[in-house]
PDB file of N, CA and C in Angstrom:
ATOM      1  N   MET A   1      78.930  54.744 153.746  1.00  0.00           N
ATOM      2  CA  MET A   1      78.762  53.322 153.900  1.00  0.00           C
ATOM      3  C   MET A   1      77.491  53.084 154.717  1.00  0.00           C
ATOM      4  N   THR A   2      76.745  52.091 154.306  1.00  0.00           N
ATOM      5  CA  THR A   2      75.519  51.731 155.012  1.00  0.00           C
ATOM      6  C   THR A   2      75.673  50.338 155.597  1.00  0.00           C
ATOM      7  N   VAL A   3      75.358  50.209 156.876  1.00  0.00           N
ATOM      8  CA  VAL A   3      75.312  48.908 157.543  1.00  0.00           C
ATOM      9  C   VAL A   3      73.848  48.594 157.784  1.00  0.00           C
ATOM     10  N   LEU A   4      73.407  47.457 157.264  1.00  0.00           N
ATOM     11  CA  LEU A   4      72.018  47.038 157.416  1.00  0.00           C
ATOM     12  C   LEU A   4      71.973  45.801 158.296  1.00  0.00           C
ATOM     13  N   HIS A   5      71.124  45.847 159.302  1.00  0.00           N
ATOM     14  CA  HIS A   5      70.930  44.698 160.191  1.00  0.00           C
ATOM     15  C   HIS A   5      69.444  44.341 160.141  1.00  0.00           C
ATOM     16  N   VAL A   6      69.145  43.109 159.743  1.00  0.00           N
ATOM     17  CA  VAL A   6      67.750  42.662 159.661  1.00  0.00           C
ATOM     18  C   VAL A   6      67.455  41.812 160.887  1.00  0.00           C
ATOM     19  N   VAL A   7      66.440  42.221 161.635  1.00  0.00           N
ATOM     20  CA  VAL A   7      66.051  41.534 162.869  1.00  0.00           C
ATOM     21  C   VAL A   7      64.697  40.860 162.651  1.00  0.00           C
ATOM     22  N   PRO A   8      64.327  39.931 163.535  1.00  0.00           N
ATOM     23  CA  PRO A   8      63.026  39.260 163.391  1.00  0.00           C
ATOM     24  C   PRO A   8      61.878  40.265 163.407  1.00  0.00           C
ATOM     25  N   PRO A   9      60.789  39.935 162.696  1.00  0.00           N
ATOM     26  CA  PRO A   9      59.647  40.853 162.621  1.00  0.00           C
ATOM     27  C   PRO A   9      59.021  41.101 163.987  1.00  0.00           C
ATOM     28  N   ARG A  10      58.413  42.284 164.103  1.00  0.00           N
ATOM     29  CA  ARG A  10      57.770  42.662 165.360  1.00  0.00           C
ATOM     30  C   ARG A  10      56.269  42.812 165.216  1.00  0.00           C
ATOM     31  N   ARG A  11      55.792  42.973 163.982  1.00  0.00           N
ATOM     32  CA  ARG A  11      54.353  43.086 163.751  1.00  0.00           C
ATOM     33  C   ARG A  11      53.976  42.213 162.565  1.00  0.00           C
ATOM     34  N   TRP A  12      52.758  41.710 162.610  1.00  0.00           N
ATOM     35  CA  TRP A  12      52.257  40.833 161.555  1.00  0.00           C
ATOM     36  C   TRP A  12      50.944  41.382 161.013  1.00  0.00           C
ATOM     37  N   ARG A  13      50.711  41.161 159.730  1.00  0.00           N
ATOM     38  CA  ARG A  13      49.462  41.538 159.080  1.00  0.00           C
ATOM     39  C   ARG A  13      48.739  40.229 158.743  1.00  0.00           C
ATOM     40  N   VAL A  14      47.507  40.146 159.183  1.00  0.00           N
ATOM     41  CA  VAL A  14      46.731  38.933 158.931  1.00  0.00           C
ATOM     42  C   VAL A  14      45.764  39.224 157.795  1.00  0.00           C
ATOM     43  N   GLY A  15      45.904  38.459 156.717  1.00  0.00           N
ATOM     44  CA  GLY A  15      45.018  38.628 155.574  1.00  0.00           C
ATOM     45  C   GLY A  15      43.718  37.874 155.777  1.00  0.00           C
ATOM     46  N   ARG A  16      42.726  38.328 155.096  1.00  0.00           N
ATOM     47  CA  ARG A  16      41.417  37.682 155.243  1.00  0.00           C
ATOM     48  C   ARG A  16      41.437  36.256 154.697  1.00  0.00           C
ATOM     49  N   PHE A  17      42.102  36.073 153.553  1.00  0.00           N
ATOM     50  CA  PHE A  17      42.118  34.741 152.939  1.00  0.00           C
ATOM     51  C   PHE A  17      43.527  34.172 152.799  1.00  0.00           C
ATOM     52  N   GLY A  18      44.532  34.916 153.229  1.00  0.00           N
ATOM     53  CA  GLY A  18      45.905  34.456 153.062  1.00  0.00           C
ATOM     54  C   GLY A  18      46.593  34.250 154.400  1.00  0.00           C
ATOM     55  N   PRO A  19      47.842  33.867 154.329  1.00  0.00           N
ATOM     56  CA  PRO A  19      48.605  33.637 155.564  1.00  0.00           C
ATOM     57  C   PRO A  19      48.997  34.961 156.222  1.00  0.00           C
ATOM     58  N   ALA A  20      49.386  34.883 157.480  1.00  0.00           N
ATOM     59  CA  ALA A  20      49.899  36.065 158.181  1.00  0.00           C
ATOM     60  C   ALA A  20      51.248  36.434 157.564  1.00  0.00           C
ATOM     61  N   ARG A  21      51.478  37.720 157.363  1.00  0.00           N
ATOM     62  CA  ARG A  21      52.724  38.208 156.772  1.00  0.00           C
ATOM     63  C   ARG A  21      53.347  39.236 157.704  1.00  0.00           C
ATOM     64  N   ALA A  22      54.654  39.238 157.764  1.00  0.00           N
ATOM     65  CA  ALA A  22      55.359  40.223 158.587  1.00  0.00           C
ATOM     66  C   ALA A  22      55.241  41.597 157.948  1.00  0.00           C
ATOM     67  N   VAL A  23      55.176  42.609 158.773  1.00  0.00           N
ATOM     68  CA  VAL A  23      55.164  43.991 158.302  1.00  0.00           C
ATOM     69  C   VAL A  23      56.593  44.510 158.429  1.00  0.00           C
ATOM     70  N   PRO A  24      57.297  44.743 157.285  1.00  0.00           N
ATOM     71  CA  PRO A  24      58.656  45.279 157.384  1.00  0.00           C
ATOM     72  C   PRO A  24      58.615  46.676 157.995  1.00  0.00           C
ATOM     73  N   MET A  25      59.524  46.950 158.920  1.00  0.00           N
ATOM     74  CA  MET A  25      59.535  48.256 159.558  1.00  0.00           C
ATOM     75  C   MET A  25      60.936  48.607 160.033  1.00  0.00           C
ATOM     76  N   ARG A  26      61.235  49.895 160.022  1.00  0.00           N
ATOM     77  CA  ARG A  26      62.501  50.386 160.569  1.00  0.00           C
ATOM     78  C   ARG A  26      62.430  50.337 162.088  1.00  0.00           C
ATOM     79  N   VAL A  27      63.522  49.948 162.684  1.00  0.00           N
ATOM     80  CA  VAL A  27      63.618  49.883 164.130  1.00  0.00           C
ATOM     81  C   VAL A  27      64.555  51.005 164.566  1.00  0.00           C
ATOM     82  N   HIS A  28      64.210  51.704 165.628  1.00  0.00           N
ATOM     83  CA  HIS A  28      64.961  52.887 166.016  1.00  0.00           C
ATOM     84  C   HIS A  28      65.945  52.680 167.152  1.00  0.00           C
ATOM     85  N   GLU A  29      66.374  51.447 167.389  1.00  0.00           N
ATOM     86  CA  GLU A  29      67.411  51.193 168.396  1.00  0.00           C
ATOM     87  C   GLU A  29      68.639  50.633 167.689  1.00  0.00           C
ATOM     88  N   PRO A  30      69.309  51.429 166.860  1.00  0.00           N
ATOM     89  CA  PRO A  30      70.388  50.888 166.040  1.00  0.00           C
ATOM     90  C   PRO A  30      71.614  50.421 166.801  1.00  0.00           C
ATOM     91  N   LEU A  31      71.814  50.852 168.037  1.00  0.00           N
ATOM     92  CA  LEU A  31      73.032  50.452 168.736  1.00  0.00           C
ATOM     93  C   LEU A  31      72.806  49.444 169.847  1.00  0.00           C
ATOM     94  N   GLU A  32      71.664  48.742 169.817  1.00  0.00           N
ATOM     95  CA  GLU A  32      71.455  47.754 170.871  1.00  0.00           C
ATOM     96  C   GLU A  32      72.305  46.515 170.646  1.00  0.00           C
ATOM     97  N   SER A  33      72.783  46.286 169.442  1.00  0.00           N
ATOM     98  CA  SER A  33      73.601  45.126 169.125  1.00  0.00           C
ATOM     99  C   SER A  33      75.084  45.449 169.314  1.00  0.00           C
ATOM    100  N   ALA A  34      75.824  44.519 169.914  1.00  0.00           N
ATOM    101  CA  ALA A  34      77.261  44.705 170.106  1.00  0.00           C
ATOM    102  C   ALA A  34      77.982  44.803 168.763  1.00  0.00           C
ATOM    103  N   VAL A  35      77.516  44.062 167.772  1.00  0.00           N
ATOM    104  CA  VAL A  35      78.131  44.101 166.440  1.00  0.00           C
ATOM    105  C   VAL A  35      77.981  45.491 165.828  1.00  0.00           C
ATOM    106  N   LEU A  36      76.799  46.089 165.976  1.00  0.00           N
ATOM    107  CA  LEU A  36      76.584  47.427 165.433  1.00  0.00           C
ATOM    108  C   LEU A  36      77.398  48.468 166.196  1.00  0.00           C
ATOM    109  N   GLN A  37      77.572  48.285 167.483  1.00  0.00           N
ATOM    110  CA  GLN A  37      78.416  49.195 168.262  1.00  0.00           C
ATOM    111  C   GLN A  37      79.861  49.124 167.779  1.00  0.00           C
ATOM    112  N   ASP A  38      80.334  47.896 167.520  1.00  0.00           N
ATOM    113  CA  ASP A  38      81.696  47.730 167.001  1.00  0.00           C
ATOM    114  C   ASP A  38      81.845  48.361 165.624  1.00  0.00           C
ATOM    115  N   ALA A  39      80.836  48.195 164.772  1.00  0.00           N
ATOM    116  CA  ALA A  39      80.886  48.778 163.433  1.00  0.00           C
ATOM    117  C   ALA A  39      80.993  50.299 163.517  1.00  0.00           C
ATOM    118  N   ARG A  40      80.201  50.900 164.366  1.00  0.00           N
ATOM    119  CA  ARG A  40      80.250  52.354 164.533  1.00  0.00           C
ATOM    120  C   ARG A  40      81.613  52.800 165.075  1.00  0.00           C
ATOM    121  N   ARG A  41      82.138  52.089 166.061  1.00  0.00           N
ATOM    122  CA  ARG A  41      83.437  52.443 166.639  1.00  0.00           C
ATOM    123  C   ARG A  41      84.545  52.361 165.587  1.00  0.00           C
ATOM    124  N   LEU A  42      84.571  51.268 164.821  1.00  0.00           N
ATOM    125  CA  LEU A  42      85.593  51.097 163.791  1.00  0.00           C
ATOM    126  C   LEU A  42      85.479  52.165 162.706  1.00  0.00           C
ATOM    127  N   ALA A  43      84.266  52.488 162.310  1.00  0.00           N
ATOM    128  CA  ALA A  43      84.069  53.523 161.289  1.00  0.00           C
ATOM    129  C   ALA A  43      84.605  54.863 161.787  1.00  0.00           C
ATOM    130  N   LEU A  44      84.303  55.217 163.033  1.00  0.00           N
ATOM    131  CA  LEU A  44      84.791  56.482 163.592  1.00  0.00           C
ATOM    132  C   LEU A  44      86.313  56.508 163.656  1.00  0.00           C
ATOM    133  N   GLU A  45      86.918  55.381 164.056  1.00  0.00           N
ATOM    134  CA  GLU A  45      88.380  55.308 164.145  1.00  0.00           C
ATOM    135  C   GLU A  45      89.053  55.519 162.793  1.00  0.00           C
ATOM    136  N   HIS A  46      88.377  55.090 161.725  1.00  0.00           N
ATOM    137  CA  HIS A  46      88.970  55.169 160.393  1.00  0.00           C
ATOM    138  C   HIS A  46      88.400  56.308 159.549  1.00  0.00           C
ATOM    139  N   GLY A  47      87.609  57.170 160.168  1.00  0.00           N
ATOM    140  CA  GLY A  47      87.085  58.333 159.463  1.00  0.00           C
ATOM    141  C   GLY A  47      86.048  57.997 158.397  1.00  0.00           C
ATOM    142  N   ILE A  48      85.332  56.918 158.577  1.00  0.00           N
ATOM    143  CA  ILE A  48      84.306  56.508 157.607  1.00  0.00           C
ATOM    144  C   ILE A  48      82.947  56.975 158.100  1.00  0.00           C
ATOM    145  N   ARG A  49      82.211  57.625 157.214  1.00  0.00           N
ATOM    146  CA  ARG A  49      80.851  58.040 157.566  1.00  0.00           C
ATOM    147  C   ARG A  49      79.934  56.831 157.445  1.00  0.00           C
ATOM    148  N   LEU A  50      79.261  56.503 158.515  1.00  0.00           N
ATOM    149  CA  LEU A  50      78.477  55.271 158.585  1.00  0.00           C
ATOM    150  C   LEU A  50      77.008  55.578 158.835  1.00  0.00           C
ATOM    151  N   GLN A  51      76.165  54.923 158.082  1.00  0.00           N
ATOM    152  CA  GLN A  51      74.720  54.997 158.318  1.00  0.00           C
ATOM    153  C   GLN A  51      74.270  53.598 158.715  1.00  0.00           C
ATOM    154  N   ILE A  52      73.630  53.486 159.875  1.00  0.00           N
ATOM    155  CA  ILE A  52      73.157  52.188 160.357  1.00  0.00           C
ATOM    156  C   ILE A  52      71.654  52.119 160.184  1.00  0.00           C
ATOM    157  N   GLU A  53      71.187  51.058 159.530  1.00  0.00           N
ATOM    158  CA  GLU A  53      69.762  50.807 159.330  1.00  0.00           C
ATOM    159  C   GLU A  53      69.424  49.480 159.991  1.00  0.00           C
ATOM    160  N   VAL A  54      68.390  49.467 160.811  1.00  0.00           N
ATOM    161  CA  VAL A  54      67.896  48.223 161.407  1.00  0.00           C
ATOM    162  C   VAL A  54      66.456  48.066 160.942  1.00  0.00           C
ATOM    163  N   ILE A  55      66.188  46.944 160.274  1.00  0.00           N
ATOM    164  CA  ILE A  55      64.851  46.704 159.735  1.00  0.00           C
ATOM    165  C   ILE A  55      64.351  45.360 160.239  1.00  0.00           C
ATOM    166  N   ALA A  56      63.129  45.358 160.764  1.00  0.00           N
ATOM    167  CA  ALA A  56      62.498  44.123 161.224  1.00  0.00           C
ATOM    168  C   ALA A  56      61.696  43.548 160.064  1.00  0.00           C
ATOM    169  N   ALA A  57      62.017  42.320 159.666  1.00  0.00           N
ATOM    170  CA  ALA A  57      61.328  41.681 158.545  1.00  0.00           C
ATOM    171  C   ALA A  57      61.530  40.174 158.625  1.00  0.00           C
ATOM    172  N   ASP A  58      60.715  39.432 157.886  1.00  0.00           N
ATOM    173  CA  ASP A  58      60.842  37.968 157.904  1.00  0.00           C
ATOM    174  C   ASP A  58      61.607  37.414 156.711  1.00  0.00           C
ATOM    175  N   ASP A  59      62.020  38.251 155.777  1.00  0.00           N
ATOM    176  CA  ASP A  59      62.765  37.782 154.606  1.00  0.00           C
ATOM    177  C   ASP A  59      64.036  38.619 154.430  1.00  0.00           C
ATOM    178  N   PRO A  60      65.070  38.321 155.229  1.00  0.00           N
ATOM    179  CA  PRO A  60      66.271  39.148 155.241  1.00  0.00           C
ATOM    180  C   PRO A  60      66.922  39.337 153.875  1.00  0.00           C
ATOM    181  N   HIS A  61      67.004  38.276 153.068  1.00  0.00           N
ATOM    182  CA  HIS A  61      67.692  38.440 151.790  1.00  0.00           C
ATOM    183  C   HIS A  61      66.959  39.421 150.870  1.00  0.00           C
ATOM    184  N   THR A  62      65.640  39.451 150.920  1.00  0.00           N
ATOM    185  CA  THR A  62      64.878  40.404 150.108  1.00  0.00           C
ATOM    186  C   THR A  62      65.125  41.828 150.588  1.00  0.00           C
ATOM    187  N   VAL A  63      65.182  42.028 151.904  1.00  0.00           N
ATOM    188  CA  VAL A  63      65.450  43.358 152.467  1.00  0.00           C
ATOM    189  C   VAL A  63      66.862  43.811 152.088  1.00  0.00           C
ATOM    190  N   ILE A  64      67.830  42.919 152.195  1.00  0.00           N
ATOM    191  CA  ILE A  64      69.221  43.252 151.859  1.00  0.00           C
ATOM    192  C   ILE A  64      69.331  43.653 150.396  1.00  0.00           C
ATOM    193  N   LEU A  65      68.748  42.855 149.518  1.00  0.00           N
ATOM    194  CA  LEU A  65      68.821  43.158 148.082  1.00  0.00           C
ATOM    195  C   LEU A  65      68.077  44.446 147.733  1.00  0.00           C
ATOM    196  N   GLY A  66      66.939  44.668 148.366  1.00  0.00           N
ATOM    197  CA  GLY A  66      66.184  45.898 148.121  1.00  0.00           C
ATOM    198  C   GLY A  66      66.957  47.132 148.558  1.00  0.00           C
ATOM    199  N   MET A  67      67.578  47.073 149.721  1.00  0.00           N
ATOM    200  CA  MET A  67      68.380  48.202 150.210  1.00  0.00           C
ATOM    201  C   MET A  67      69.576  48.437 149.298  1.00  0.00           C
ATOM    202  N   ALA A  68      70.226  47.365 148.863  1.00  0.00           N
ATOM    203  CA  ALA A  68      71.379  47.504 147.968  1.00  0.00           C
ATOM    204  C   ALA A  68      70.978  48.207 146.669  1.00  0.00           C
ATOM    205  N   ARG A  69      69.834  47.833 146.117  1.00  0.00           N
ATOM    206  CA  ARG A  69      69.333  48.498 144.900  1.00  0.00           C
ATOM    207  C   ARG A  69      69.023  49.964 145.161  1.00  0.00           C
ATOM    208  N   ARG A  70      68.344  50.228 146.278  1.00  0.00           N
ATOM    209  CA  ARG A  70      67.905  51.584 146.603  1.00  0.00           C
ATOM    210  C   ARG A  70      69.075  52.549 146.785  1.00  0.00           C
ATOM    211  N   ILE A  71      70.167  52.094 147.413  1.00  0.00           N
ATOM    212  CA  ILE A  71      71.291  52.996 147.651  1.00  0.00           C
ATOM    213  C   ILE A  71      72.355  52.904 146.552  1.00  0.00           C
ATOM    214  N   GLY A  72      72.154  52.014 145.588  1.00  0.00           N
ATOM    215  CA  GLY A  72      73.117  51.877 144.497  1.00  0.00           C
ATOM    216  C   GLY A  72      74.427  51.254 144.939  1.00  0.00           C
ATOM    217  N   ALA A  73      74.346  50.225 145.779  1.00  0.00           N
ATOM    218  CA  ALA A  73      75.549  49.573 146.314  1.00  0.00           C
ATOM    219  C   ALA A  73      76.361  48.928 145.196  1.00  0.00           C
ATOM    220  N   ALA A  74      77.680  49.073 145.282  1.00  0.00           N
ATOM    221  CA  ALA A  74      78.571  48.443 144.312  1.00  0.00           C
ATOM    222  C   ALA A  74      78.958  47.038 144.770  1.00  0.00           C
ATOM    223  N   THR A  75      78.875  46.788 146.069  1.00  0.00           N
ATOM    224  CA  THR A  75      79.217  45.491 146.659  1.00  0.00           C
ATOM    225  C   THR A  75      78.330  45.269 147.877  1.00  0.00           C
ATOM    226  N   ILE A  76      77.988  44.011 148.125  1.00  0.00           N
ATOM    227  CA  ILE A  76      77.237  43.638 149.328  1.00  0.00           C
ATOM    228  C   ILE A  76      78.146  42.748 150.164  1.00  0.00           C
ATOM    229  N   VAL A  77      78.265  43.068 151.435  1.00  0.00           N
ATOM    230  CA  VAL A  77      79.021  42.232 152.368  1.00  0.00           C
ATOM    231  C   VAL A  77      78.008  41.632 153.332  1.00  0.00           C
ATOM    232  N   VAL A  78      77.985  40.297 153.418  1.00  0.00           N
ATOM    233  CA  VAL A  78      77.017  39.601 154.262  1.00  0.00           C
ATOM    234  C   VAL A  78      77.776  38.833 155.335  1.00  0.00           C
ATOM    235  N   GLY A  79      77.367  39.021 156.586  1.00  0.00           N
ATOM    236  CA  GLY A  79      77.945  38.250 157.678  1.00  0.00           C
ATOM    237  C   GLY A  79      77.207  36.937 157.806  1.00  0.00           C
ATOM    238  N   ALA A  80      77.937  35.836 157.778  1.00  0.00           N
ATOM    239  CA  ALA A  80      77.320  34.513 157.848  1.00  0.00           C
ATOM    240  C   ALA A  80      77.598  33.884 159.199  1.00  0.00           C
ATOM    241  N   SER A  81      76.547  33.446 159.853  1.00  0.00           N
ATOM    242  CA  SER A  81      76.726  32.697 161.094  1.00  0.00           C
ATOM    243  C   SER A  81      76.152  31.316 160.872  1.00  0.00           C
ATOM    244  N   ARG A  82      76.771  30.350 161.471  1.00  0.00           N
ATOM    245  CA  ARG A  82      76.294  28.976 161.306  1.00  0.00           C
ATOM    246  C   ARG A  82      75.281  28.659 162.385  1.00  0.00           C
ATOM    247  N   PRO A  83      74.087  28.234 161.970  1.00  0.00           N
ATOM    248  CA  PRO A  83      73.134  27.786 162.985  1.00  0.00           C
ATOM    249  C   PRO A  83      73.655  26.510 163.639  1.00  0.00           C
ATOM    250  N   GLU A  84      73.235  26.291 164.872  1.00  0.00           N
ATOM    251  CA  GLU A  84      73.706  25.098 165.578  1.00  0.00           C
ATOM    252  C   GLU A  84      73.370  23.834 164.812  1.00  0.00           C
ATOM    253  N   LYS A  85      72.198  23.800 164.250  1.00  0.00           N
ATOM    254  CA  LYS A  85      71.816  22.669 163.413  1.00  0.00           C
ATOM    255  C   LYS A  85      71.948  23.153 161.981  1.00  0.00           C
ATOM    256  N   LEU A  86      72.660  22.443 161.182  1.00  0.00           N
ATOM    257  CA  LEU A  86      72.888  22.886 159.809  1.00  0.00           C
ATOM    258  C   LEU A  86      71.678  22.585 158.927  1.00  0.00           C
ATOM    259  N   VAL A  87      70.530  23.073 159.348  1.00  0.00           N
ATOM    260  CA  VAL A  87      69.297  22.861 158.598  1.00  0.00           C
ATOM    261  C   VAL A  87      69.360  23.625 157.287  1.00  0.00           C
ATOM    262  N   ALA A  88      69.791  24.868 157.343  1.00  0.00           N
ATOM    263  CA  ALA A  88      69.861  25.702 156.140  1.00  0.00           C
ATOM    264  C   ALA A  88      71.223  26.379 156.096  1.00  0.00           C
ATOM    265  N   PRO A  89      72.268  25.645 155.661  1.00  0.00           N
ATOM    266  CA  PRO A  89      73.574  26.276 155.627  1.00  0.00           C
ATOM    267  C   PRO A  89      73.555  27.472 154.680  1.00  0.00           C
ATOM    268  N   LEU A  90      74.086  28.573 155.159  1.00  0.00           N
ATOM    269  CA  LEU A  90      74.129  29.814 154.375  1.00  0.00           C
ATOM    270  C   LEU A  90      72.748  30.252 153.908  1.00  0.00           C
ATOM    271  N   GLY A  91      71.733  30.092 154.730  1.00  0.00           N
ATOM    272  CA  GLY A  91      70.357  30.426 154.357  1.00  0.00           C
ATOM    273  C   GLY A  91      70.182  31.802 153.766  1.00  0.00           C
ATOM    274  N   VAL A  92      70.459  32.858 154.530  1.00  0.00           N
ATOM    275  CA  VAL A  92      70.303  34.222 154.029  1.00  0.00           C
ATOM    276  C   VAL A  92      71.343  34.496 152.952  1.00  0.00           C
ATOM    277  N   CYS A  93      72.569  34.056 153.202  1.00  0.00           N
ATOM    278  CA  CYS A  93      73.639  34.289 152.226  1.00  0.00           C
ATOM    279  C   CYS A  93      73.301  33.665 150.875  1.00  0.00           C
ATOM    280  N   ARG A  94      72.733  32.483 150.898  1.00  0.00           N
ATOM    281  CA  ARG A  94      72.391  31.808 149.648  1.00  0.00           C
ATOM    282  C   ARG A  94      71.398  32.642 148.837  1.00  0.00           C
ATOM    283  N   GLY A  95      70.380  33.188 149.504  1.00  0.00           N
ATOM    284  CA  GLY A  95      69.400  34.028 148.810  1.00  0.00           C
ATOM    285  C   GLY A  95      70.030  35.264 148.215  1.00  0.00           C
ATOM    286  N   VAL A  96      70.951  35.880 148.956  1.00  0.00           N
ATOM    287  CA  VAL A  96      71.634  37.075 148.451  1.00  0.00           C
ATOM    288  C   VAL A  96      72.558  36.697 147.300  1.00  0.00           C
ATOM    289  N   LEU A  97      73.342  35.636 147.469  1.00  0.00           N
ATOM    290  CA  LEU A  97      74.275  35.212 146.422  1.00  0.00           C
ATOM    291  C   LEU A  97      73.564  34.872 145.112  1.00  0.00           C
ATOM    292  N   ARG A  98      72.429  34.226 145.200  1.00  0.00           N
ATOM    293  CA  ARG A  98      71.704  33.816 143.990  1.00  0.00           C
ATOM    294  C   ARG A  98      71.094  34.986 143.227  1.00  0.00           C
ATOM    295  N   ARG A  99      70.656  36.033 143.949  1.00  0.00           N
ATOM    296  CA  ARG A  99      69.874  37.080 143.292  1.00  0.00           C
ATOM    297  C   ARG A  99      70.572  38.429 143.181  1.00  0.00           C
ATOM    298  N   ALA A 100      71.758  38.575 143.747  1.00  0.00           N
ATOM    299  CA  ALA A 100      72.431  39.879 143.737  1.00  0.00           C
ATOM    300  C   ALA A 100      72.928  40.230 142.339  1.00  0.00           C
ATOM    301  N   ALA A 101      72.764  41.499 142.004  1.00  0.00           N
ATOM    302  CA  ALA A 101      73.243  42.008 140.709  1.00  0.00           C
ATOM    303  C   ALA A 101      74.652  42.582 140.835  1.00  0.00           C
ATOM    304  N   VAL A 102      75.203  42.598 142.043  1.00  0.00           N
ATOM    305  CA  VAL A 102      76.542  43.121 142.296  1.00  0.00           C
ATOM    306  C   VAL A 102      77.339  42.053 143.033  1.00  0.00           C
ATOM    307  N   PRO A 103      78.678  42.200 143.101  1.00  0.00           N
ATOM    308  CA  PRO A 103      79.472  41.219 143.839  1.00  0.00           C
ATOM    309  C   PRO A 103      79.071  41.119 145.309  1.00  0.00           C
ATOM    310  N   VAL A 104      79.165  39.897 145.852  1.00  0.00           N
ATOM    311  CA  VAL A 104      78.810  39.647 147.247  1.00  0.00           C
ATOM    312  C   VAL A 104      80.020  39.025 147.943  1.00  0.00           C
ATOM    313  N   VAL A 105      80.368  39.572 149.102  1.00  0.00           N
ATOM    314  CA  VAL A 105      81.440  39.039 149.929  1.00  0.00           C
ATOM    315  C   VAL A 105      80.787  38.463 151.178  1.00  0.00           C
ATOM    316  N   VAL A 106      81.087  37.182 151.476  1.00  0.00           N
ATOM    317  CA  VAL A 106      80.527  36.526 152.654  1.00  0.00           C
ATOM    318  C   VAL A 106      81.620  36.468 153.713  1.00  0.00           C
ATOM    319  N   VAL A 107      81.321  37.046 154.885  1.00  0.00           N
ATOM    320  CA  VAL A 107      82.281  37.097 155.989  1.00  0.00           C
ATOM    321  C   VAL A 107      81.764  36.181 157.091  1.00  0.00           C
ATOM    322  N   PRO A 108      82.580  35.192 157.499  1.00  0.00           N
ATOM    323  CA  PRO A 108      82.120  34.315 158.572  1.00  0.00           C
ATOM    324  C   PRO A 108      81.961  35.095 159.869  1.00  0.00           C
ATOM    325  N   GLY A 109      80.878  34.757 160.611  1.00  0.00           N
ATOM    326  CA  GLY A 109      80.593  35.507 161.841  1.00  0.00           C
ATOM    327  C   GLY A 109      80.727  34.699 163.068  1.00  0.00           C
TER     328      GLY A 109
END
């Protein structure tokens, strides 16, 4: 099982004639998040082999879908949190739901 956590970008690439773009990159502190610590603990308790990936990028739904394709995921589970202002309800989830080639389960966070 793979757990993917997409965090805000840490580096940007500035194009000569285009806008600044985030540089997607793997982050090597996979257990700094309490949610990821809980995921690892639960997996160990239930004998599940877990791989945690943390990627810094500005387009989470694209990263999620790309990882799902790369590992051949049969299902995508997305944790949904509500922003304080409902500017973009289900923002990342909506992108994943619209473009996923496999079933998607949305878990409220």
